[in-house]
Protein backbone atom coordinates (compact mmCIF):
# COMPACT_ATOMS: atom_id res chain seq x y z
CA MET A 1 -4.40 69.02 -118.64
CA THR A 2 -3.70 69.35 -122.33
CA TRP A 3 -2.06 66.82 -124.58
CA ASP A 4 0.21 67.80 -127.43
CA ILE A 5 2.20 65.82 -129.95
CA LYS A 6 5.84 66.38 -129.11
CA LYS A 7 7.46 64.45 -131.93
CA VAL A 8 6.43 62.05 -134.69
CA LEU A 9 8.95 59.27 -135.24
CA PHE A 10 9.29 57.89 -138.76
CA GLY A 11 11.20 54.92 -140.08
CA HIS A 12 9.12 51.75 -140.01
CA THR A 13 8.02 50.09 -143.23
CA SER A 14 5.13 48.13 -141.70
CA TYR A 15 2.77 48.18 -138.73
CA ILE A 16 4.32 48.57 -135.28
CA HIS A 17 3.63 45.60 -133.01
CA ALA A 18 5.78 46.46 -129.99
CA PHE A 19 7.62 49.37 -128.44
CA ASP A 20 9.52 49.86 -125.20
CA TRP A 21 10.79 52.82 -123.19
CA SER A 22 14.11 52.72 -121.40
CA GLU A 23 13.91 53.04 -117.62
CA ASP A 24 15.39 56.54 -117.75
CA SER A 25 13.26 57.53 -120.78
CA SER A 26 16.36 58.18 -122.88
CA TYR A 27 15.54 55.59 -125.58
CA ILE A 28 12.55 54.12 -127.36
CA ARG A 29 12.82 50.86 -129.29
CA SER A 30 10.13 49.50 -131.56
CA ASN A 31 9.48 46.48 -133.77
CA ASP A 32 7.42 46.23 -136.93
CA GLY A 33 5.76 43.56 -139.03
CA ASN A 34 8.73 43.39 -141.43
CA THR A 35 11.13 42.36 -138.62
CA GLY A 36 12.35 45.93 -138.35
CA SER A 37 13.82 47.03 -135.05
CA LEU A 38 14.39 50.76 -134.62
CA TYR A 39 15.85 52.81 -131.76
CA TRP A 40 15.34 56.51 -131.08
CA CYS A 41 17.62 58.50 -128.79
CA GLY A 42 16.11 61.22 -126.62
CA ALA A 43 19.44 62.97 -126.08
CA ALA A 44 19.66 63.44 -129.87
CA GLY A 45 16.21 65.04 -130.12
CA TRP A 46 14.53 61.66 -130.71
CA MET A 47 16.52 61.02 -133.85
CA LEU A 48 16.82 57.49 -135.18
CA ASP A 49 19.92 55.75 -133.80
CA ASP A 50 21.19 53.40 -136.52
CA ASN A 51 23.45 51.69 -133.96
CA GLY A 52 20.77 51.52 -131.28
CA LYS A 53 20.80 47.75 -130.95
CA SER A 54 24.48 47.77 -129.92
CA ASN A 55 24.35 51.17 -128.17
CA THR A 56 21.66 49.96 -125.77
CA THR A 57 22.99 46.56 -124.65
CA SER A 58 23.50 47.91 -121.13
CA THR A 59 20.27 49.93 -121.11
CA VAL A 60 17.68 49.02 -118.50
CA TRP A 61 14.28 48.84 -120.19
CA HIS A 62 11.10 49.71 -118.35
CA THR A 63 9.22 47.21 -120.53
CA ASN A 64 10.39 44.23 -122.58
CA SER A 65 7.84 43.58 -125.31
CA SER A 66 10.17 43.72 -128.33
CA LYS A 67 10.86 40.42 -130.01
CA TYR A 68 13.73 41.75 -132.15
CA ALA A 69 16.39 42.70 -129.62
CA TRP A 70 19.81 41.38 -128.59
CA HIS A 71 18.37 39.55 -125.56
CA THR A 72 15.69 37.68 -127.57
CA THR A 73 17.86 36.01 -130.22
CA GLY A 74 17.03 32.52 -128.91
CA ILE A 75 13.22 32.74 -128.66
CA TYR A 76 12.50 31.47 -132.17
CA PRO A 77 11.68 27.79 -132.71
CA LYS A 78 14.23 25.86 -134.76
CA ASN A 79 13.46 25.81 -138.50
CA CYS A 80 10.51 28.20 -138.06
CA SER A 81 9.83 31.74 -139.09
CA ASP A 82 9.93 34.48 -136.45
CA VAL A 83 6.26 35.26 -137.20
CA HIS A 84 5.25 32.26 -135.06
CA VAL A 85 6.28 34.18 -131.92
CA ASN A 86 3.40 36.57 -131.32
CA ALA A 87 4.18 38.23 -128.01
CA VAL A 88 7.06 38.88 -125.63
CA ALA A 89 6.92 40.10 -122.04
CA GLY A 90 9.69 40.72 -119.54
CA SER A 91 9.37 40.07 -115.83
CA GLU A 92 9.47 42.97 -113.40
CA ASP A 93 12.76 41.72 -111.91
CA ASP A 94 14.21 41.40 -115.45
CA GLN A 95 15.22 37.77 -114.84
CA LEU A 96 12.66 36.13 -117.16
CA LEU A 97 11.11 36.54 -120.59
CA ALA A 98 7.82 34.97 -121.59
CA THR A 99 6.75 34.39 -125.18
CA GLY A 100 3.42 33.38 -126.69
CA ASP A 101 3.38 31.45 -129.95
CA ASP A 102 1.18 30.06 -132.71
CA TRP A 103 0.97 26.63 -131.06
CA GLY A 104 -0.85 27.86 -127.93
CA LEU A 105 2.28 27.72 -125.79
CA ILE A 106 3.62 30.13 -123.22
CA ASN A 107 7.38 29.74 -123.09
CA VAL A 108 9.36 31.05 -120.12
CA TRP A 109 13.02 31.84 -120.71
CA ARG A 110 15.88 33.11 -118.58
CA ASN A 111 16.74 36.64 -119.68
CA PRO A 112 18.66 36.97 -121.97
CA ALA A 113 17.26 34.19 -124.16
CA LYS A 114 20.23 33.33 -126.34
CA LYS A 115 20.37 30.87 -129.23
CA GLY A 116 20.50 27.29 -127.99
CA HIS A 117 18.75 28.00 -124.70
CA GLN A 118 15.61 26.03 -123.89
CA PRO A 119 12.45 27.44 -122.28
CA ARG A 120 9.93 25.88 -119.98
CA SER A 121 6.77 25.59 -122.06
CA TYR A 122 3.19 25.52 -120.83
CA ARG A 123 0.02 24.74 -122.76
CA GLY A 124 -3.35 26.19 -121.83
CA HIS A 125 -4.70 27.93 -124.90
CA SER A 126 -6.59 26.27 -127.73
CA ASP A 127 -4.58 28.11 -130.38
CA HIS A 128 -2.14 30.99 -130.79
CA VAL A 129 -1.22 33.20 -127.83
CA VAL A 130 -1.52 36.82 -128.92
CA ARG A 131 -0.57 38.78 -125.77
CA LEU A 132 0.90 38.18 -122.35
CA ILE A 133 2.19 40.12 -119.38
CA PHE A 134 3.74 39.38 -116.01
CA ALA A 135 1.64 40.35 -113.01
CA GLU A 136 3.04 42.70 -110.41
CA ASN A 137 5.83 40.98 -108.45
CA ASP A 138 6.10 38.35 -111.23
CA GLY A 139 3.88 35.83 -109.43
CA TYR A 140 1.68 35.15 -112.47
CA ILE A 141 1.64 35.50 -116.22
CA PHE A 142 -1.62 36.66 -117.78
CA SER A 143 -2.17 35.65 -121.39
CA VAL A 144 -4.74 35.98 -124.15
CA GLY A 145 -5.36 33.29 -126.76
CA GLY A 146 -6.59 34.05 -130.25
CA TYR A 147 -9.58 31.67 -130.21
CA ASP A 148 -10.25 31.40 -126.46
């Protein structure tokens, strides 16, 4: 098997911290460190879709790790910067979102997490939660803490 670069996608102004593929592989969305959220359309030769956020509201995503998307508008703590949310993961059944934050909490939200909604929050880490993922069949959430 040989591996070749098929396309290089440009547009971010900072490091990329999350990207997701659509279930049908027709879109890629990605987030960067400057709160940028970009969408690329496969049908258009992987060109940047400036209206991707609204064009993909009915898209089924294979993964849900992007924290800047229409369905994550409510995950940010009141009166806090978005940088305090470090990780997002979507459940396999697409019913839940989990977030990890700077206060060592894992927050579980109904998907979509809209402004004003409240999560169930669980403490277990000594400090910030940097990554998390739902286990197969959504029975567990695995997480990694920054100082654990």
